N, C-alpha and C. Protein backbone atom coordinates (compact mmCIF):
# COMPACT_ATOMS: atom_id res chain seq x y z
N MET A 1 0.82 -1.17 -0.07
CA MET A 1 -0.03 -0.04 0.00
C MET A 1 0.88 1.33 0.13
N ARG A 2 0.36 2.17 -0.71
CA ARG A 2 1.12 3.51 -0.87
C ARG A 2 1.15 4.14 0.47
N LYS A 3 2.33 4.61 0.94
CA LYS A 3 2.50 5.35 2.17
C LYS A 3 2.18 6.85 1.86
N VAL A 4 1.75 7.63 2.92
CA VAL A 4 1.60 8.95 2.74
C VAL A 4 3.07 9.76 2.71
N SER A 5 3.17 10.61 1.61
CA SER A 5 4.55 11.37 1.45
C SER A 5 4.36 12.73 1.82
N ARG A 6 5.44 13.39 2.02
CA ARG A 6 5.49 14.86 2.60
C ARG A 6 4.90 15.73 1.53
N GLU A 7 5.05 15.38 0.22
CA GLU A 7 4.46 16.31 -0.84
C GLU A 7 3.01 16.21 -0.88
N GLU A 8 2.39 15.24 -0.25
CA GLU A 8 0.84 15.27 -0.43
C GLU A 8 0.15 16.03 0.71
N LEU A 9 1.09 16.43 1.72
CA LEU A 9 0.38 17.14 2.87
C LEU A 9 0.08 18.65 2.42
N ARG A 10 -1.03 19.05 2.83
CA ARG A 10 -1.46 20.46 2.46
C ARG A 10 -1.06 21.31 3.58
N LYS A 11 -0.87 22.58 3.21
CA LYS A 11 -0.68 23.56 4.30
C LYS A 11 -1.97 23.92 4.82
N PRO A 12 -1.96 24.52 6.12
CA PRO A 12 -3.44 24.61 6.83
C PRO A 12 -4.39 25.36 6.12
N ALA A 13 -4.04 26.32 5.31
CA ALA A 13 -5.14 27.12 4.49
C ALA A 13 -5.57 26.22 3.51
N GLU A 14 -4.86 25.62 2.83
CA GLU A 14 -5.28 24.71 1.67
C GLU A 14 -6.05 23.58 2.23
N TYR A 15 -5.65 22.90 3.30
CA TYR A 15 -6.35 21.85 3.86
C TYR A 15 -7.83 22.32 4.35
N ALA A 16 -7.85 23.46 5.06
CA ALA A 16 -9.09 24.08 5.29
C ALA A 16 -10.15 24.21 4.15
N ALA A 17 -9.59 24.47 3.03
CA ALA A 17 -10.45 24.64 1.90
C ALA A 17 -11.16 23.37 1.34
N VAL A 18 -10.40 22.13 1.57
CA VAL A 18 -10.91 20.87 1.17
C VAL A 18 -11.27 20.04 2.27
N ARG A 19 -11.14 20.36 3.51
CA ARG A 19 -11.32 19.49 4.74
C ARG A 19 -12.64 18.82 4.71
N GLU A 20 -13.69 19.43 4.57
CA GLU A 20 -15.13 18.93 4.77
C GLU A 20 -15.28 17.76 3.63
N ASP A 21 -15.04 18.13 2.45
CA ASP A 21 -15.12 17.11 1.24
C ASP A 21 -14.26 15.88 1.54
N PHE A 22 -13.06 16.10 1.99
CA PHE A 22 -12.06 14.98 2.30
C PHE A 22 -12.61 14.31 3.44
N ARG A 23 -13.03 14.94 4.49
CA ARG A 23 -13.54 14.29 5.67
C ARG A 23 -14.68 13.40 5.25
N ARG A 24 -15.59 13.76 4.49
CA ARG A 24 -16.79 12.91 4.20
C ARG A 24 -16.22 11.73 3.20
N SER A 25 -15.30 11.88 2.33
CA SER A 25 -14.69 10.80 1.56
C SER A 25 -14.18 9.77 2.50
N VAL A 26 -13.31 10.21 3.43
CA VAL A 26 -12.58 9.33 4.34
C VAL A 26 -13.56 8.56 5.24
N MET A 27 -14.58 9.36 5.71
CA MET A 27 -15.60 8.60 6.60
C MET A 27 -16.37 7.56 5.93
N ALA A 28 -16.60 7.74 4.62
CA ALA A 28 -17.27 6.82 3.83
C ALA A 28 -16.30 5.44 3.63
N GLN A 29 -15.02 5.76 3.50
CA GLN A 29 -14.13 4.72 3.43
C GLN A 29 -13.94 3.93 4.63
N LYS A 30 -14.02 4.67 5.79
CA LYS A 30 -13.82 4.01 7.12
C LYS A 30 -14.99 3.20 7.34
N GLU A 31 -16.14 3.56 6.80
CA GLU A 31 -17.38 2.76 7.16
C GLU A 31 -17.25 1.29 6.62
N LYS A 32 -16.61 1.34 5.43
CA LYS A 32 -16.42 -0.20 4.75
C LYS A 32 -15.43 -0.86 5.51
N ARG A 33 -14.48 -0.21 6.22
CA ARG A 33 -13.30 -0.65 6.78
C ARG A 33 -13.38 -0.86 8.34
N ARG A 34 -14.61 -0.62 8.78
CA ARG A 34 -14.87 -0.86 10.25
C ARG A 34 -15.64 -2.12 10.49
N ILE A 35 -15.05 -3.03 11.16
CA ILE A 35 -15.63 -4.34 11.22
C ILE A 35 -15.84 -4.77 12.85
N HIS A 36 -17.20 -4.98 13.23
CA HIS A 36 -17.12 -5.29 14.68
C HIS A 36 -17.34 -6.89 14.70
N VAL A 37 -16.63 -7.39 15.73
CA VAL A 37 -16.57 -8.83 15.97
C VAL A 37 -17.05 -9.06 17.38
N GLY A 38 -18.14 -9.60 17.60
CA GLY A 38 -18.59 -9.79 18.99
C GLY A 38 -18.88 -8.54 19.62
N ALA A 39 -19.05 -8.65 21.00
CA ALA A 39 -19.39 -7.51 21.80
C ALA A 39 -18.31 -6.47 22.13
N TYR A 40 -17.09 -6.86 22.11
CA TYR A 40 -15.96 -6.05 22.47
C TYR A 40 -14.96 -5.63 21.48
N LEU A 41 -14.83 -6.23 20.27
CA LEU A 41 -13.91 -6.01 19.29
C LEU A 41 -14.25 -5.20 18.10
N THR A 42 -13.52 -4.20 17.71
CA THR A 42 -13.88 -3.32 16.60
C THR A 42 -12.47 -3.24 15.70
N PHE A 43 -12.51 -3.77 14.47
CA PHE A 43 -11.21 -3.59 13.71
C PHE A 43 -11.53 -2.52 12.66
N LEU A 44 -10.51 -1.49 12.60
CA LEU A 44 -10.58 -0.39 11.73
C LEU A 44 -9.45 -0.60 10.78
N PHE A 45 -9.65 -1.19 9.49
CA PHE A 45 -8.48 -1.27 8.54
C PHE A 45 -8.17 0.13 8.02
N GLU A 46 -6.88 0.47 7.92
CA GLU A 46 -6.41 1.55 7.57
C GLU A 46 -5.99 1.51 6.08
N ASN A 47 -6.05 2.69 5.39
CA ASN A 47 -5.58 2.81 4.05
C ASN A 47 -4.88 4.20 3.92
N HIS A 48 -4.38 4.30 2.61
CA HIS A 48 -3.59 5.55 2.55
C HIS A 48 -4.41 6.92 3.01
N ASP A 49 -5.67 6.88 2.45
CA ASP A 49 -6.50 8.10 2.69
C ASP A 49 -6.90 8.23 4.24
N THR A 50 -7.09 7.16 4.83
CA THR A 50 -7.32 7.22 6.37
C THR A 50 -6.12 7.75 7.02
N ALA A 51 -4.95 7.34 6.60
CA ALA A 51 -3.66 7.69 7.34
C ALA A 51 -3.43 9.24 6.97
N LEU A 52 -3.69 9.71 5.62
CA LEU A 52 -3.35 10.93 5.29
C LEU A 52 -4.35 11.99 6.11
N TYR A 53 -5.61 11.45 6.21
CA TYR A 53 -6.65 12.30 6.99
C TYR A 53 -6.20 12.42 8.52
N GLN A 54 -5.72 11.33 9.07
CA GLN A 54 -5.29 11.50 10.49
C GLN A 54 -4.05 12.33 10.64
N ILE A 55 -3.19 12.34 9.74
CA ILE A 55 -1.95 13.25 9.72
C ILE A 55 -2.33 14.67 9.52
N GLN A 56 -3.19 14.97 8.55
CA GLN A 56 -3.70 16.24 8.45
C GLN A 56 -4.43 16.93 9.56
N GLU A 57 -5.18 15.92 10.17
CA GLU A 57 -6.04 16.44 11.38
C GLU A 57 -5.23 16.69 12.55
N MET A 58 -4.12 15.92 12.69
CA MET A 58 -3.13 16.01 13.75
C MET A 58 -2.40 17.43 13.61
N ILE A 59 -1.97 17.61 12.39
CA ILE A 59 -1.28 18.88 11.96
C ILE A 59 -2.28 20.11 12.48
N ARG A 60 -3.51 19.85 12.01
CA ARG A 60 -4.46 20.97 12.24
C ARG A 60 -4.74 21.24 13.66
N ALA A 61 -5.05 20.09 14.37
CA ALA A 61 -5.47 20.34 15.80
C ALA A 61 -4.27 20.70 16.69
N GLU A 62 -3.18 20.26 16.39
CA GLU A 62 -2.06 20.56 17.31
C GLU A 62 -1.24 21.72 16.73
N ASN A 63 -1.71 22.29 15.59
CA ASN A 63 -0.87 23.41 15.01
C ASN A 63 0.55 23.09 14.77
N ILE A 64 0.82 21.95 14.21
CA ILE A 64 2.17 21.47 13.99
C ILE A 64 2.61 21.91 12.73
N VAL A 65 3.98 22.69 12.86
CA VAL A 65 4.50 23.29 11.61
C VAL A 65 6.05 22.75 11.38
N GLY A 66 6.69 22.34 12.47
CA GLY A 66 7.99 22.03 12.34
C GLY A 66 8.20 20.71 11.54
N ASP A 67 9.22 20.48 10.55
CA ASP A 67 9.46 19.41 9.84
C ASP A 67 9.70 18.13 10.66
N ALA A 68 10.32 18.26 11.77
CA ALA A 68 10.53 16.98 12.55
C ALA A 68 9.23 16.40 13.14
N GLU A 69 8.40 17.43 13.62
CA GLU A 69 7.09 16.95 14.18
C GLU A 69 6.17 16.41 13.04
N ILE A 70 6.21 17.07 11.94
CA ILE A 70 5.43 16.44 10.85
C ILE A 70 5.96 15.08 10.41
N ARG A 71 7.18 14.94 10.33
CA ARG A 71 7.79 13.55 9.90
C ARG A 71 7.32 12.63 10.97
N HIS A 72 7.24 12.98 12.39
CA HIS A 72 6.95 12.20 13.39
C HIS A 72 5.40 11.65 13.08
N GLU A 73 4.65 12.58 12.86
CA GLU A 73 3.15 12.25 12.52
C GLU A 73 3.06 11.22 11.17
N MET A 74 3.91 11.58 10.36
CA MET A 74 3.85 10.68 9.10
C MET A 74 4.42 9.31 9.38
N ASP A 75 5.51 9.22 10.13
CA ASP A 75 6.02 7.87 10.50
C ASP A 75 5.08 7.04 11.27
N THR A 76 4.40 7.78 12.22
CA THR A 76 3.42 7.16 13.19
C THR A 76 2.26 6.49 12.29
N TYR A 77 1.69 7.27 11.56
CA TYR A 77 0.47 6.82 10.70
C TYR A 77 0.89 5.87 9.51
N ASN A 78 1.93 6.03 8.95
CA ASN A 78 2.43 5.24 7.95
C ASN A 78 2.77 3.85 8.44
N GLU A 79 3.12 3.73 9.57
CA GLU A 79 3.46 2.50 10.29
C GLU A 79 2.18 1.64 10.42
N LEU A 80 1.08 2.20 10.44
CA LEU A 80 -0.29 1.49 10.56
C LEU A 80 -0.63 0.80 9.33
N LEU A 81 -0.03 1.27 8.16
CA LEU A 81 -0.37 0.75 6.83
C LEU A 81 0.27 -0.48 6.61
N GLY A 82 -0.43 -1.55 5.91
CA GLY A 82 0.16 -2.71 5.53
C GLY A 82 1.16 -2.47 4.29
N ASP A 83 2.07 -3.44 4.07
CA ASP A 83 2.80 -3.41 2.83
C ASP A 83 1.99 -4.21 1.82
N ARG A 84 2.50 -4.39 0.65
CA ARG A 84 1.87 -5.27 -0.46
C ARG A 84 1.52 -6.61 0.17
N GLY A 85 0.32 -6.91 0.09
CA GLY A 85 -0.29 -8.35 0.51
C GLY A 85 -0.52 -8.39 1.89
N GLU A 86 -0.54 -7.08 2.61
CA GLU A 86 -0.72 -7.14 4.01
C GLU A 86 -1.71 -6.11 4.35
N LEU A 87 -2.70 -6.38 5.32
CA LEU A 87 -3.61 -5.37 5.78
C LEU A 87 -3.21 -4.89 7.28
N GLY A 88 -3.28 -3.64 7.43
CA GLY A 88 -2.84 -3.01 8.67
C GLY A 88 -4.17 -2.51 9.27
N CYS A 89 -4.26 -2.77 10.59
CA CYS A 89 -5.63 -2.18 11.25
C CYS A 89 -5.44 -1.79 12.66
N THR A 90 -6.32 -1.05 13.19
CA THR A 90 -6.31 -0.72 14.58
C THR A 90 -7.53 -1.52 15.06
N LEU A 91 -7.02 -2.15 16.25
CA LEU A 91 -8.15 -3.06 16.97
C LEU A 91 -8.48 -2.33 18.20
N LEU A 92 -9.81 -1.96 18.34
CA LEU A 92 -10.34 -1.18 19.58
C LEU A 92 -10.90 -2.42 20.37
N ILE A 93 -10.54 -2.44 21.59
CA ILE A 93 -11.20 -3.52 22.62
C ILE A 93 -12.02 -2.56 23.47
N GLU A 94 -13.25 -2.60 23.08
CA GLU A 94 -14.40 -1.72 23.76
C GLU A 94 -15.05 -2.25 24.95
N ILE A 95 -14.58 -1.88 26.10
CA ILE A 95 -15.12 -2.33 27.32
C ILE A 95 -15.71 -1.00 28.02
N ASP A 96 -17.11 -1.01 27.93
CA ASP A 96 -17.86 0.16 28.45
C ASP A 96 -17.75 0.47 29.85
N ASP A 97 -17.68 -0.58 30.73
CA ASP A 97 -17.51 -0.54 32.21
C ASP A 97 -16.16 -0.26 32.61
N PRO A 98 -15.79 0.99 33.09
CA PRO A 98 -14.52 1.29 33.38
C PRO A 98 -14.02 0.53 34.60
N GLY A 99 -14.92 0.09 35.53
CA GLY A 99 -14.43 -0.76 36.65
C GLY A 99 -13.94 -2.18 36.18
N LYS A 100 -14.59 -2.74 35.00
CA LYS A 100 -14.16 -3.97 34.61
C LYS A 100 -13.02 -4.04 33.50
N ARG A 101 -12.77 -2.86 33.07
CA ARG A 101 -11.71 -2.70 31.97
C ARG A 101 -10.34 -3.27 32.38
N PRO A 102 -9.91 -2.82 33.61
CA PRO A 102 -8.55 -3.34 33.92
C PRO A 102 -8.52 -4.95 34.03
N GLU A 103 -9.41 -5.42 34.70
CA GLU A 103 -9.60 -6.99 34.92
C GLU A 103 -9.65 -7.69 33.64
N LEU A 104 -10.57 -7.26 32.65
CA LEU A 104 -10.68 -7.89 31.37
C LEU A 104 -9.34 -7.81 30.51
N LEU A 105 -8.77 -6.60 30.50
CA LEU A 105 -7.53 -6.50 29.78
C LEU A 105 -6.43 -7.29 30.29
N ALA A 106 -6.43 -7.50 31.59
CA ALA A 106 -5.44 -8.48 32.21
C ALA A 106 -5.77 -9.94 31.79
N ARG A 107 -7.08 -10.13 31.86
CA ARG A 107 -7.48 -11.65 31.63
C ARG A 107 -7.37 -11.96 30.03
N TRP A 108 -7.37 -11.00 29.24
CA TRP A 108 -7.25 -11.14 27.77
C TRP A 108 -5.81 -10.97 27.37
N MET A 109 -4.82 -11.10 28.08
CA MET A 109 -3.50 -11.16 27.63
C MET A 109 -3.10 -11.80 26.45
N ASP A 110 -3.68 -13.08 26.28
CA ASP A 110 -3.40 -13.83 25.19
C ASP A 110 -4.28 -13.54 23.97
N LEU A 111 -4.97 -12.64 23.95
CA LEU A 111 -5.75 -12.11 22.97
C LEU A 111 -5.18 -12.08 21.56
N PRO A 112 -3.85 -11.60 21.53
CA PRO A 112 -3.19 -11.43 20.26
C PRO A 112 -2.96 -12.77 19.56
N ALA A 113 -2.85 -14.03 20.15
CA ALA A 113 -2.66 -15.27 19.56
C ALA A 113 -4.07 -15.77 19.14
N THR A 114 -5.14 -15.10 19.36
CA THR A 114 -6.42 -15.67 18.98
C THR A 114 -7.19 -14.95 17.87
N VAL A 115 -6.72 -13.87 17.36
CA VAL A 115 -7.31 -12.97 16.31
C VAL A 115 -6.78 -13.35 15.04
N TYR A 116 -7.83 -13.49 14.00
CA TYR A 116 -7.56 -14.08 12.73
C TYR A 116 -8.34 -13.43 11.74
N ILE A 117 -7.93 -13.59 10.42
CA ILE A 117 -8.69 -13.42 9.35
C ILE A 117 -8.80 -14.73 8.58
N GLU A 118 -10.08 -15.19 8.20
CA GLU A 118 -10.18 -16.37 7.38
C GLU A 118 -10.31 -15.96 5.96
N THR A 119 -9.64 -16.64 5.04
CA THR A 119 -9.72 -16.23 3.56
C THR A 119 -10.78 -16.93 2.89
N GLN A 120 -11.10 -16.62 1.64
CA GLN A 120 -11.99 -17.24 0.99
C GLN A 120 -11.66 -18.77 0.68
N SER A 121 -10.38 -18.96 0.62
CA SER A 121 -9.88 -20.37 0.40
C SER A 121 -9.88 -21.14 1.71
N GLY A 122 -10.23 -20.59 2.82
CA GLY A 122 -10.37 -21.33 4.12
C GLY A 122 -9.14 -21.30 5.00
N ALA A 123 -8.07 -20.44 4.61
CA ALA A 123 -6.93 -20.36 5.39
C ALA A 123 -7.30 -19.47 6.47
N ARG A 124 -6.73 -19.70 7.75
CA ARG A 124 -6.95 -18.81 8.87
C ARG A 124 -5.46 -18.21 9.16
N ILE A 125 -5.50 -16.77 8.94
CA ILE A 125 -4.26 -16.08 9.01
C ILE A 125 -4.30 -15.35 10.38
N GLY A 126 -3.34 -15.59 11.22
CA GLY A 126 -3.27 -14.86 12.47
C GLY A 126 -2.77 -13.46 12.33
N ALA A 127 -2.82 -12.71 13.30
CA ALA A 127 -2.47 -11.33 13.35
C ALA A 127 -1.22 -11.24 13.98
N LYS A 128 -0.43 -10.16 13.34
CA LYS A 128 0.82 -9.98 13.96
C LYS A 128 0.62 -8.66 14.74
N PHE A 129 0.72 -8.66 16.11
CA PHE A 129 0.61 -7.62 17.03
C PHE A 129 1.82 -6.73 17.16
N ASP A 130 1.64 -5.60 17.43
CA ASP A 130 2.81 -4.55 17.80
C ASP A 130 3.00 -4.93 19.29
N GLU A 131 4.13 -5.46 19.64
CA GLU A 131 4.51 -6.07 21.01
C GLU A 131 4.45 -4.78 22.10
N ARG A 132 4.70 -3.54 21.46
CA ARG A 132 4.69 -2.40 22.32
C ARG A 132 3.29 -2.18 23.01
N GLN A 133 2.27 -2.78 22.53
CA GLN A 133 1.12 -2.50 22.88
C GLN A 133 0.61 -3.59 24.16
N VAL A 134 1.45 -4.60 24.44
CA VAL A 134 1.18 -5.55 25.44
C VAL A 134 2.15 -5.35 26.62
N GLY A 135 1.63 -5.19 27.69
CA GLY A 135 2.23 -4.92 28.98
C GLY A 135 2.51 -6.19 29.64
N ASP A 136 3.16 -6.05 30.97
CA ASP A 136 3.53 -7.15 31.65
C ASP A 136 2.29 -7.81 32.30
N ASP A 137 1.27 -6.95 32.59
CA ASP A 137 -0.03 -7.56 33.39
C ASP A 137 -1.27 -7.26 32.62
N ARG A 138 -1.20 -6.60 31.51
CA ARG A 138 -2.41 -6.41 30.76
C ARG A 138 -2.06 -5.80 29.29
N ILE A 139 -3.08 -5.98 28.30
CA ILE A 139 -2.81 -5.49 27.22
C ILE A 139 -3.49 -4.12 27.06
N SER A 140 -3.11 -3.40 26.07
CA SER A 140 -3.67 -2.00 25.82
C SER A 140 -5.16 -2.18 25.19
N SER A 141 -6.07 -1.34 25.38
CA SER A 141 -7.30 -1.32 24.72
C SER A 141 -7.33 -1.05 23.22
N VAL A 142 -6.25 -0.39 22.86
CA VAL A 142 -6.03 -0.08 21.43
C VAL A 142 -4.82 -0.94 20.90
N GLN A 143 -4.92 -1.62 19.97
CA GLN A 143 -3.82 -2.55 19.30
C GLN A 143 -3.80 -2.16 17.88
N TYR A 144 -2.38 -2.27 17.46
CA TYR A 144 -1.99 -2.11 16.04
C TYR A 144 -1.66 -3.49 15.67
N LEU A 145 -2.19 -3.95 14.60
CA LEU A 145 -1.85 -5.24 13.99
C LEU A 145 -1.91 -5.34 12.50
N LYS A 146 -1.32 -6.44 12.13
CA LYS A 146 -1.24 -6.67 10.62
C LYS A 146 -1.54 -8.11 10.23
N PHE A 147 -2.01 -8.30 9.06
CA PHE A 147 -2.47 -9.58 8.68
C PHE A 147 -1.73 -9.85 7.40
N GLN A 148 -0.88 -10.69 7.16
CA GLN A 148 -0.11 -10.92 6.02
C GLN A 148 -1.05 -12.13 5.16
N LEU A 149 -1.76 -11.58 4.15
CA LEU A 149 -2.66 -12.38 3.32
C LEU A 149 -2.18 -12.72 2.02
N GLY A 150 -1.18 -12.00 1.50
CA GLY A 150 -0.62 -12.23 0.07
C GLY A 150 -1.66 -11.78 -0.79
N ASP A 151 -2.08 -12.61 -1.59
CA ASP A 151 -3.19 -12.47 -2.69
C ASP A 151 -4.56 -12.96 -2.21
N GLN A 152 -4.62 -13.53 -1.04
CA GLN A 152 -5.87 -14.25 -0.65
C GLN A 152 -6.96 -13.17 -0.28
N ALA A 153 -8.14 -13.31 -0.69
CA ALA A 153 -9.27 -12.43 -0.35
C ALA A 153 -9.74 -12.75 1.09
N PRO A 154 -10.03 -11.86 1.93
CA PRO A 154 -10.53 -11.97 3.20
C PRO A 154 -12.06 -12.37 3.05
N LEU A 155 -12.47 -13.27 3.89
CA LEU A 155 -14.01 -13.76 4.00
C LEU A 155 -14.49 -13.38 5.45
N LYS A 156 -13.83 -13.70 6.47
CA LYS A 156 -14.29 -13.40 7.80
C LYS A 156 -13.08 -12.92 8.71
N ILE A 157 -13.55 -12.21 9.81
CA ILE A 157 -12.57 -11.69 10.77
C ILE A 157 -13.05 -12.42 12.17
N GLY A 158 -12.20 -12.87 12.97
CA GLY A 158 -12.61 -13.61 14.07
C GLY A 158 -11.73 -13.48 15.28
N CYS A 159 -11.99 -14.10 16.35
CA CYS A 159 -11.38 -14.21 17.55
C CYS A 159 -11.69 -15.52 18.06
N SER A 160 -10.76 -16.31 18.50
CA SER A 160 -10.96 -17.71 19.16
C SER A 160 -10.80 -17.57 20.63
N HIS A 161 -10.58 -16.55 21.16
CA HIS A 161 -10.43 -16.45 22.67
C HIS A 161 -11.66 -16.96 23.34
N PRO A 162 -11.44 -17.90 24.37
CA PRO A 162 -12.59 -18.62 24.83
C PRO A 162 -13.67 -17.54 25.61
N ASP A 163 -13.20 -16.40 26.12
CA ASP A 163 -13.98 -15.49 26.77
C ASP A 163 -14.87 -14.76 25.74
N ILE A 164 -14.27 -14.45 24.52
CA ILE A 164 -15.00 -13.51 23.71
C ILE A 164 -15.00 -14.13 22.18
N ALA A 165 -14.97 -15.39 22.07
CA ALA A 165 -15.02 -15.90 20.72
C ALA A 165 -16.20 -15.47 19.84
N ALA A 166 -15.77 -15.17 18.65
CA ALA A 166 -16.83 -14.57 17.67
C ALA A 166 -16.19 -14.42 16.36
N GLU A 167 -17.09 -14.32 15.30
CA GLU A 167 -16.65 -14.22 13.89
C GLU A 167 -17.61 -13.25 13.30
N THR A 168 -17.05 -12.59 12.38
CA THR A 168 -17.98 -11.68 11.49
C THR A 168 -17.65 -12.06 9.96
N ILE A 169 -18.54 -12.29 9.21
CA ILE A 169 -18.53 -12.50 7.77
C ILE A 169 -18.51 -11.23 7.20
N LEU A 170 -17.61 -10.92 6.38
CA LEU A 170 -17.36 -9.51 5.73
C LEU A 170 -18.59 -9.45 4.72
N THR A 171 -19.15 -8.17 4.44
CA THR A 171 -20.04 -7.99 3.23
C THR A 171 -19.18 -7.99 2.10
N PRO A 172 -19.84 -8.08 0.95
CA PRO A 172 -19.16 -7.83 -0.29
C PRO A 172 -18.29 -6.59 -0.39
N GLU A 173 -18.97 -5.46 0.11
CA GLU A 173 -18.32 -4.22 0.00
C GLU A 173 -17.14 -4.24 0.86
N GLN A 174 -17.20 -4.80 2.11
CA GLN A 174 -16.06 -4.79 3.03
C GLN A 174 -14.79 -5.71 2.47
N SER A 175 -15.24 -6.69 1.86
CA SER A 175 -14.22 -7.70 1.18
C SER A 175 -13.54 -6.85 0.10
N ALA A 176 -14.39 -6.21 -0.73
CA ALA A 176 -13.71 -5.55 -1.92
C ALA A 176 -12.75 -4.34 -1.46
N ALA A 177 -13.25 -3.63 -0.44
CA ALA A 177 -12.33 -2.51 0.21
C ALA A 177 -11.06 -3.09 0.52
N LEU A 178 -11.00 -4.30 1.40
CA LEU A 178 -9.88 -4.76 1.88
C LEU A 178 -8.97 -5.37 0.81
N CYS A 179 -9.57 -5.95 -0.19
CA CYS A 179 -8.76 -6.42 -1.34
C CYS A 179 -8.14 -5.43 -2.12
N GLN A 180 -8.69 -4.17 -2.13
CA GLN A 180 -8.00 -3.05 -2.63
C GLN A 180 -6.71 -2.80 -1.87
N ASP A 181 -6.91 -2.87 -0.62
CA ASP A 181 -5.83 -2.45 0.43
C ASP A 181 -4.51 -3.36 0.23
N LEU A 182 -4.85 -4.58 -0.37
CA LEU A 182 -3.78 -5.57 -0.41
C LEU A 182 -2.70 -5.21 -1.51
N MET A 183 -3.22 -4.44 -2.44
CA MET A 183 -2.31 -4.12 -3.55
C MET A 183 -1.27 -3.13 -3.30
C-alpha cells in the first residue's frame, strides 16, 4: 500500500478549503473498513486516505509546523499501513464499564494469539501484533496489528479467545475494500 508522502500534505489554509469534502470521503471509506466482531472488538482497517486524513487532522489540531514534528506524525500513521499483500488495522477493545476494563484487559493478555482473518480459500491467518501494546500485566485497549494475506481475499474476521469468541463474515463491500488495500 502506498504510504503518505510529505509532498501530499497540504498547508493549513489549503487543507481548510478541502477539509469537509475530504472528511466525508474518508468517513465513507472508514465505514467499509470498520468491522465489529462480537461485543468487544472493533477492527478499523487503515488505508492511504485514512492515514493522510489522520496526519492532516493532527497537524491542524496541534498546529504542527516543524518538519521533525510533521515527519513524526507521518512515520506514526504510515506504520499502521500494511505493505503489499498485508492489511494493517487498529483493533479497539471496547469495554464500556471502566470498573471491569483493567480486569478484562489482564484476563485477555493472550488475545493477540487468537485474532485471525479467514480467507475465501479457508486459510486462517493470525494477526501480527505490535508488541509495544502488550504490557507485563495487561494489554492495551488499542492494538495495532497486521495480517499477511498475500493475494488471498478475506472472508471473515474472528477471535477464538474462549471469553470472547466470535466471527464476522465480511460484506461484499468490506471484502472488496480490503482487497484493494492488499495491492
